[in-house]
N, C-alpha and C. Protein backbone atom coordinates (compact mmCIF):
# COMPACT_ATOMS: atom_id res chain seq x y z
N ALA A 1 -36.17 -62.10 105.34
CA ALA A 1 -35.83 -62.04 106.70
C ALA A 1 -35.01 -63.10 107.10
N GLU A 2 -33.84 -62.60 107.75
CA GLU A 2 -32.78 -63.72 108.10
C GLU A 2 -32.85 -63.94 109.54
N GLY A 3 -33.18 -63.13 110.45
CA GLY A 3 -33.14 -63.35 111.91
C GLY A 3 -33.34 -62.14 112.79
N ARG A 4 -33.07 -62.35 113.98
CA ARG A 4 -33.28 -61.09 114.70
C ARG A 4 -32.07 -60.46 115.11
N CYS A 5 -32.03 -59.27 115.40
CA CYS A 5 -30.98 -58.40 115.74
C CYS A 5 -30.84 -58.15 117.27
N GLY A 6 -29.94 -59.10 117.81
CA GLY A 6 -29.85 -58.82 119.33
C GLY A 6 -30.87 -58.84 120.09
N ALA A 7 -30.99 -57.76 120.99
CA ALA A 7 -32.06 -57.80 121.88
C ALA A 7 -33.35 -57.05 121.16
N PHE A 8 -33.09 -56.38 120.08
CA PHE A 8 -34.18 -55.87 119.27
C PHE A 8 -35.16 -56.82 118.76
N PRO A 9 -36.51 -56.49 118.92
CA PRO A 9 -37.54 -57.39 118.39
C PRO A 9 -37.79 -57.31 116.76
N HIS A 10 -36.85 -56.39 116.23
CA HIS A 10 -37.10 -56.27 114.86
C HIS A 10 -36.22 -57.37 113.99
N VAL A 11 -36.78 -57.63 112.74
CA VAL A 11 -36.20 -58.63 111.94
C VAL A 11 -35.07 -57.94 111.10
N VAL A 12 -33.95 -58.75 110.88
CA VAL A 12 -32.78 -58.18 110.16
C VAL A 12 -33.26 -58.75 108.68
N HIS A 13 -32.99 -57.63 107.64
CA HIS A 13 -33.46 -57.85 106.33
C HIS A 13 -32.09 -57.67 105.45
N THR A 14 -32.06 -58.38 104.37
CA THR A 14 -30.95 -58.07 103.34
C THR A 14 -31.52 -57.39 102.21
N TRP A 15 -31.09 -56.14 101.99
CA TRP A 15 -31.47 -55.32 100.84
C TRP A 15 -30.55 -55.56 99.67
N PRO A 16 -31.19 -55.84 98.40
CA PRO A 16 -30.42 -56.01 97.37
C PRO A 16 -29.44 -54.71 96.98
N GLY A 17 -28.36 -55.15 96.38
CA GLY A 17 -27.32 -54.07 95.82
C GLY A 17 -27.95 -53.36 94.55
N LEU A 18 -27.33 -52.53 94.13
CA LEU A 18 -27.60 -51.70 92.81
C LEU A 18 -26.93 -52.17 91.61
N PRO A 19 -27.29 -52.31 90.51
CA PRO A 19 -26.27 -52.67 89.31
C PRO A 19 -25.14 -51.74 89.27
N LEU A 20 -24.08 -52.34 89.11
CA LEU A 20 -22.78 -51.61 88.99
C LEU A 20 -22.38 -51.03 87.52
N HIS A 21 -22.79 -51.82 86.45
CA HIS A 21 -22.34 -51.27 85.23
C HIS A 21 -23.51 -50.87 84.37
N GLU A 22 -24.52 -50.47 85.03
CA GLU A 22 -25.68 -50.03 84.18
C GLU A 22 -25.66 -48.41 83.86
N LEU A 23 -24.63 -47.68 84.41
CA LEU A 23 -24.60 -46.28 84.10
C LEU A 23 -23.26 -45.86 83.26
N THR A 24 -22.93 -47.00 82.38
CA THR A 24 -21.82 -46.57 81.50
C THR A 24 -22.39 -46.12 80.06
N ALA A 25 -21.50 -45.46 79.27
CA ALA A 25 -22.01 -45.07 78.18
C ALA A 25 -22.19 -46.05 77.17
N THR A 26 -21.54 -47.18 77.28
CA THR A 26 -21.74 -48.49 76.46
C THR A 26 -23.07 -48.97 76.67
N SER A 27 -23.55 -49.05 77.83
CA SER A 27 -24.67 -49.65 78.18
C SER A 27 -25.94 -48.64 77.75
N SER A 28 -25.67 -47.35 77.90
CA SER A 28 -26.82 -46.48 77.65
C SER A 28 -26.98 -46.31 76.10
N SER A 29 -25.98 -46.58 75.34
CA SER A 29 -26.19 -46.35 73.84
C SER A 29 -26.13 -47.65 73.14
N SER A 30 -26.37 -47.40 71.79
CA SER A 30 -26.14 -48.65 70.94
C SER A 30 -25.25 -48.17 69.85
N VAL A 31 -24.38 -49.07 69.41
CA VAL A 31 -23.48 -48.78 68.49
C VAL A 31 -24.11 -49.50 67.30
N GLU A 32 -24.37 -48.44 66.19
CA GLU A 32 -25.20 -49.09 65.11
C GLU A 32 -24.24 -49.12 63.75
N GLY A 33 -24.46 -50.22 63.18
CA GLY A 33 -23.86 -50.49 61.85
C GLY A 33 -22.38 -50.31 61.68
N GLY A 34 -21.71 -50.59 62.89
CA GLY A 34 -20.25 -50.48 62.83
C GLY A 34 -19.49 -48.98 62.72
N ARG A 35 -20.51 -48.03 63.08
CA ARG A 35 -19.97 -46.72 62.91
C ARG A 35 -19.12 -46.53 64.05
N ASP A 36 -17.88 -45.68 63.79
CA ASP A 36 -17.14 -45.28 64.74
C ASP A 36 -17.69 -44.32 65.89
N ARG A 37 -17.49 -44.59 67.06
CA ARG A 37 -17.81 -43.78 68.18
C ARG A 37 -16.73 -43.20 68.87
N PRO A 38 -16.83 -42.07 69.50
CA PRO A 38 -15.56 -41.59 70.17
C PRO A 38 -15.06 -42.60 71.27
N ALA A 39 -16.09 -43.26 71.94
CA ALA A 39 -15.55 -44.22 72.99
C ALA A 39 -14.92 -45.55 72.42
N ASP A 40 -14.97 -45.60 71.14
CA ASP A 40 -14.37 -46.85 70.60
C ASP A 40 -12.88 -46.59 70.37
N HIS A 41 -12.51 -45.47 70.71
CA HIS A 41 -11.01 -45.26 70.37
C HIS A 41 -10.32 -44.79 71.64
N GLY A 42 -9.16 -45.24 71.91
CA GLY A 42 -8.36 -44.74 73.12
C GLY A 42 -7.95 -43.36 72.96
N ALA A 43 -7.54 -42.72 74.06
CA ALA A 43 -7.26 -41.30 74.11
C ALA A 43 -6.05 -41.04 73.18
N ASP A 44 -5.16 -41.94 73.09
CA ASP A 44 -4.11 -41.81 72.06
C ASP A 44 -4.17 -42.27 70.69
N GLY A 45 -5.59 -42.66 70.31
CA GLY A 45 -5.99 -43.05 68.90
C GLY A 45 -5.43 -44.40 68.62
N ASP A 46 -5.38 -45.26 69.62
CA ASP A 46 -4.89 -46.54 69.35
C ASP A 46 -5.76 -47.57 68.67
N GLY A 47 -7.16 -47.06 68.72
CA GLY A 47 -8.17 -47.67 67.88
C GLY A 47 -8.74 -49.04 68.48
N GLY A 48 -8.03 -49.60 69.39
CA GLY A 48 -8.56 -50.90 70.11
C GLY A 48 -8.29 -51.28 71.39
N ALA A 49 -7.19 -50.62 71.93
CA ALA A 49 -6.79 -50.99 73.20
C ALA A 49 -7.93 -50.58 74.18
N ALA A 50 -8.43 -49.38 74.01
CA ALA A 50 -9.44 -49.02 75.07
C ALA A 50 -10.69 -50.02 74.92
N GLY A 51 -11.10 -50.37 73.81
CA GLY A 51 -12.22 -51.39 73.58
C GLY A 51 -11.89 -52.72 74.21
N ALA A 52 -10.63 -53.14 74.06
CA ALA A 52 -10.21 -54.44 74.66
C ALA A 52 -10.26 -54.39 76.17
N GLU A 53 -9.91 -53.21 76.71
CA GLU A 53 -9.94 -52.86 78.21
C GLU A 53 -11.46 -52.94 78.59
N ASN A 54 -12.22 -52.19 77.93
CA ASN A 54 -13.65 -51.99 78.32
C ASN A 54 -14.17 -53.51 78.14
N GLY A 55 -13.83 -54.29 77.24
CA GLY A 55 -14.33 -55.75 77.30
C GLY A 55 -13.97 -56.49 78.31
N ALA A 56 -12.65 -56.31 78.84
CA ALA A 56 -12.18 -57.13 79.89
C ALA A 56 -12.99 -56.66 81.28
N ALA A 57 -13.15 -55.37 81.23
CA ALA A 57 -13.91 -54.80 82.47
C ALA A 57 -15.28 -55.30 82.48
N GLU A 58 -16.01 -55.48 81.37
CA GLU A 58 -17.31 -56.14 81.35
C GLU A 58 -17.31 -57.58 81.72
N ALA A 59 -16.19 -58.19 81.22
CA ALA A 59 -16.38 -59.60 81.56
C ALA A 59 -15.96 -59.90 82.95
N GLU A 60 -15.12 -59.07 83.68
CA GLU A 60 -15.00 -59.14 85.09
C GLU A 60 -16.20 -58.62 85.68
N GLY A 61 -17.02 -57.63 85.14
CA GLY A 61 -18.28 -57.21 85.74
C GLY A 61 -19.29 -58.23 85.73
N ASP A 62 -19.19 -59.30 84.91
CA ASP A 62 -20.28 -60.22 84.86
C ASP A 62 -20.03 -61.10 86.18
N LYS A 63 -18.89 -61.12 86.87
CA LYS A 63 -18.65 -61.76 88.15
C LYS A 63 -19.45 -61.01 89.31
N LYS A 64 -19.28 -59.81 89.19
CA LYS A 64 -20.02 -58.87 90.28
C LYS A 64 -20.71 -57.80 89.56
N SER A 65 -22.09 -58.08 89.35
CA SER A 65 -22.77 -57.03 88.66
C SER A 65 -23.50 -56.14 89.28
N VAL A 66 -23.60 -56.38 90.63
CA VAL A 66 -24.32 -55.43 91.58
C VAL A 66 -23.47 -55.13 92.74
N SER A 67 -23.91 -54.05 93.43
CA SER A 67 -22.95 -53.74 94.65
C SER A 67 -23.27 -54.71 95.65
N ALA A 68 -22.71 -54.47 96.74
CA ALA A 68 -22.87 -55.16 97.92
C ALA A 68 -24.19 -55.20 98.56
N GLU A 69 -24.81 -56.13 99.07
CA GLU A 69 -26.16 -56.18 99.67
C GLU A 69 -25.90 -55.36 101.04
N LEU A 70 -26.99 -54.69 101.28
CA LEU A 70 -27.12 -53.93 102.70
C LEU A 70 -28.02 -54.90 103.56
N LYS A 71 -27.44 -54.99 104.91
CA LYS A 71 -28.31 -55.70 105.84
C LYS A 71 -28.49 -54.65 107.10
N GLY A 72 -29.92 -54.58 107.20
CA GLY A 72 -30.49 -53.76 108.24
C GLY A 72 -31.60 -54.25 108.80
N LEU A 73 -32.21 -53.48 109.66
CA LEU A 73 -33.36 -53.72 110.40
C LEU A 73 -34.54 -53.58 109.30
N PHE A 74 -35.74 -54.19 109.40
CA PHE A 74 -36.75 -54.17 108.58
C PHE A 74 -37.89 -53.14 109.12
N THR A 75 -37.34 -51.95 109.53
CA THR A 75 -38.13 -50.83 110.24
C THR A 75 -38.69 -49.80 109.03
N ARG A 76 -39.58 -49.12 109.41
CA ARG A 76 -40.14 -48.07 108.49
C ARG A 76 -39.04 -47.17 107.87
N PRO A 77 -38.14 -46.64 108.83
CA PRO A 77 -37.12 -45.70 108.34
C PRO A 77 -35.98 -46.54 107.44
N HIS A 78 -35.76 -47.61 107.64
CA HIS A 78 -34.97 -48.51 106.75
C HIS A 78 -35.53 -48.66 105.38
N ARG A 79 -36.86 -49.10 105.51
CA ARG A 79 -37.61 -49.28 104.23
C ARG A 79 -37.62 -47.95 103.39
N SER A 80 -37.92 -46.83 104.00
CA SER A 80 -38.03 -45.56 103.30
C SER A 80 -36.59 -45.28 102.76
N MET A 81 -35.51 -45.39 103.51
CA MET A 81 -34.30 -45.08 102.92
C MET A 81 -34.00 -45.91 101.78
N VAL A 82 -34.24 -47.14 101.90
CA VAL A 82 -33.99 -48.14 100.65
C VAL A 82 -34.86 -47.55 99.59
N ALA A 83 -36.00 -47.33 99.76
CA ALA A 83 -37.01 -46.91 98.75
C ALA A 83 -36.52 -45.54 98.07
N ALA A 84 -36.15 -44.61 98.90
CA ALA A 84 -35.49 -43.46 98.36
C ALA A 84 -34.23 -43.63 97.42
N ARG A 85 -33.49 -44.51 97.99
CA ARG A 85 -32.25 -44.81 97.26
C ARG A 85 -32.71 -45.37 95.76
N ASP A 86 -33.44 -46.26 95.79
CA ASP A 86 -33.92 -46.97 94.54
C ASP A 86 -34.60 -45.87 93.57
N ARG A 87 -35.53 -45.00 94.34
CA ARG A 87 -36.02 -43.93 93.48
C ARG A 87 -34.99 -43.00 92.88
N VAL A 88 -34.16 -42.56 93.57
CA VAL A 88 -33.09 -41.74 93.18
C VAL A 88 -32.17 -42.30 92.13
N TYR A 89 -31.92 -43.53 92.31
CA TYR A 89 -31.11 -44.32 91.37
C TYR A 89 -31.85 -44.48 89.99
N ALA A 90 -33.13 -44.61 90.17
CA ALA A 90 -33.78 -44.90 88.82
C ALA A 90 -33.96 -43.60 88.14
N SER A 91 -34.18 -42.53 88.78
CA SER A 91 -34.24 -41.15 88.22
C SER A 91 -33.00 -40.77 87.70
N HIS A 92 -31.72 -41.07 88.34
CA HIS A 92 -30.48 -40.79 87.76
C HIS A 92 -30.15 -41.81 86.48
N ARG A 93 -30.62 -42.94 86.59
CA ARG A 93 -30.40 -43.82 85.33
C ARG A 93 -31.07 -43.19 84.24
N VAL A 94 -32.42 -42.69 84.34
CA VAL A 94 -33.13 -42.17 83.20
C VAL A 94 -32.50 -40.95 82.62
N PHE A 95 -32.01 -40.09 83.76
CA PHE A 95 -31.24 -38.89 83.31
C PHE A 95 -29.87 -39.14 82.41
N CYS A 96 -29.28 -40.16 82.88
CA CYS A 96 -27.98 -40.64 82.29
C CYS A 96 -28.27 -41.16 80.76
N GLN A 97 -29.28 -41.90 80.69
CA GLN A 97 -29.57 -42.47 79.33
C GLN A 97 -30.02 -41.45 78.46
N ALA A 98 -30.92 -40.29 78.91
CA ALA A 98 -31.28 -39.38 78.08
C ALA A 98 -30.25 -38.45 77.59
N ARG A 99 -29.27 -38.25 78.51
CA ARG A 99 -27.94 -37.44 78.17
C ARG A 99 -27.07 -38.15 77.26
N VAL A 100 -26.74 -39.41 77.29
CA VAL A 100 -26.13 -40.21 76.38
C VAL A 100 -26.80 -40.07 75.04
N GLN A 101 -28.15 -40.23 74.97
CA GLN A 101 -28.68 -40.19 73.56
C GLN A 101 -28.66 -38.71 73.06
N GLN A 102 -28.73 -37.71 73.98
CA GLN A 102 -28.57 -36.37 73.39
C GLN A 102 -27.20 -36.15 72.94
N ILE A 103 -26.11 -36.58 73.55
CA ILE A 103 -24.71 -36.49 73.07
C ILE A 103 -24.59 -37.26 71.78
N ASN A 104 -25.14 -38.46 71.70
CA ASN A 104 -25.15 -39.23 70.49
C ASN A 104 -25.75 -38.43 69.38
N ALA A 105 -26.81 -37.82 69.46
CA ALA A 105 -27.61 -37.14 68.68
C ALA A 105 -26.58 -35.89 68.11
N THR A 106 -26.08 -35.38 69.06
CA THR A 106 -25.15 -34.29 68.74
C THR A 106 -24.11 -34.51 67.98
N TYR A 107 -23.44 -35.64 68.41
CA TYR A 107 -22.20 -36.43 67.53
C TYR A 107 -22.62 -36.73 66.18
N GLU A 108 -23.77 -37.17 66.01
CA GLU A 108 -24.22 -37.60 64.56
C GLU A 108 -24.47 -36.50 63.79
N ALA A 109 -24.96 -35.48 64.39
CA ALA A 109 -25.28 -34.14 63.59
C ALA A 109 -23.99 -33.50 63.14
N THR A 110 -23.13 -33.47 64.10
CA THR A 110 -21.67 -32.94 63.89
C THR A 110 -20.91 -33.68 62.84
N LEU A 111 -21.06 -35.10 62.83
CA LEU A 111 -20.48 -36.01 61.96
C LEU A 111 -20.89 -35.80 60.59
N ALA A 112 -22.17 -35.55 60.42
CA ALA A 112 -22.93 -35.20 59.21
C ALA A 112 -22.56 -34.10 58.48
N THR A 113 -22.39 -32.87 59.29
CA THR A 113 -21.90 -31.71 58.79
C THR A 113 -20.45 -31.85 58.37
N GLU A 114 -19.58 -32.52 59.12
CA GLU A 114 -18.15 -32.46 58.73
C GLU A 114 -18.17 -33.51 57.35
N ARG A 115 -18.83 -34.46 57.26
CA ARG A 115 -18.98 -35.21 55.99
C ARG A 115 -19.41 -34.39 54.80
N GLN A 116 -20.41 -33.54 55.12
CA GLN A 116 -20.92 -32.75 53.95
C GLN A 116 -19.84 -31.70 53.69
N TRP A 117 -19.12 -31.08 54.57
CA TRP A 117 -18.08 -30.14 54.44
C TRP A 117 -17.07 -30.99 53.53
N SER A 118 -16.71 -32.24 53.77
CA SER A 118 -15.69 -32.73 53.16
C SER A 118 -16.02 -33.12 51.62
N VAL A 119 -17.27 -33.42 51.44
CA VAL A 119 -17.75 -33.53 50.00
C VAL A 119 -17.71 -32.10 49.31
N ASN A 120 -18.18 -31.22 49.88
CA ASN A 120 -18.14 -29.84 49.20
C ASN A 120 -16.53 -29.42 49.06
N TRP A 121 -15.88 -29.69 49.92
CA TRP A 121 -14.52 -29.37 49.73
C TRP A 121 -13.89 -30.05 48.42
N ALA A 122 -14.08 -31.36 48.42
CA ALA A 122 -13.69 -32.17 47.26
C ALA A 122 -14.18 -31.58 45.95
N LYS A 123 -15.52 -31.12 45.89
CA LYS A 123 -16.03 -30.43 44.59
C LYS A 123 -15.36 -29.28 44.43
N GLN A 124 -14.94 -28.38 45.37
CA GLN A 124 -14.18 -27.16 45.09
C GLN A 124 -12.93 -27.32 44.64
N VAL A 125 -12.09 -28.36 45.11
CA VAL A 125 -10.71 -28.72 44.78
C VAL A 125 -10.85 -29.23 43.03
N ALA A 126 -11.92 -30.10 42.99
CA ALA A 126 -12.08 -30.73 41.62
C ALA A 126 -12.38 -29.47 40.56
N MET A 127 -13.19 -28.46 40.97
CA MET A 127 -13.43 -27.23 40.13
C MET A 127 -12.08 -26.58 39.71
N LEU A 128 -11.22 -26.48 40.59
CA LEU A 128 -9.90 -25.76 40.50
C LEU A 128 -8.99 -26.45 39.58
N SER A 129 -9.11 -27.75 39.31
CA SER A 129 -8.23 -28.57 38.87
C SER A 129 -8.63 -28.52 37.34
């Protein structure tokens, strides 16, 4: 509690901000064993510029990793609003993490299928030679 709000007898409270870089694909997933991920390449296939830009954004994010603090009265409606915000954010964070894991699983399955097709294709070509 920081002080009083004008003529109101209520105490002004500073509510903490929310994490800014918590809902990114890189924070929700793990890159395993140096495997290529679609997010590791730029849209034009440059292979590294996008990763460098993401690294710069993360370094800049270290300076400000949470949103601005909110100042408001410490009344029941204010506390309820902040509690609801935190519940919705936590729920959305869990949803995002699950969705990224689902996308990664689909990506791994597709990649395994493509690799197997490549092996089978090489076998077919070798049989024709």
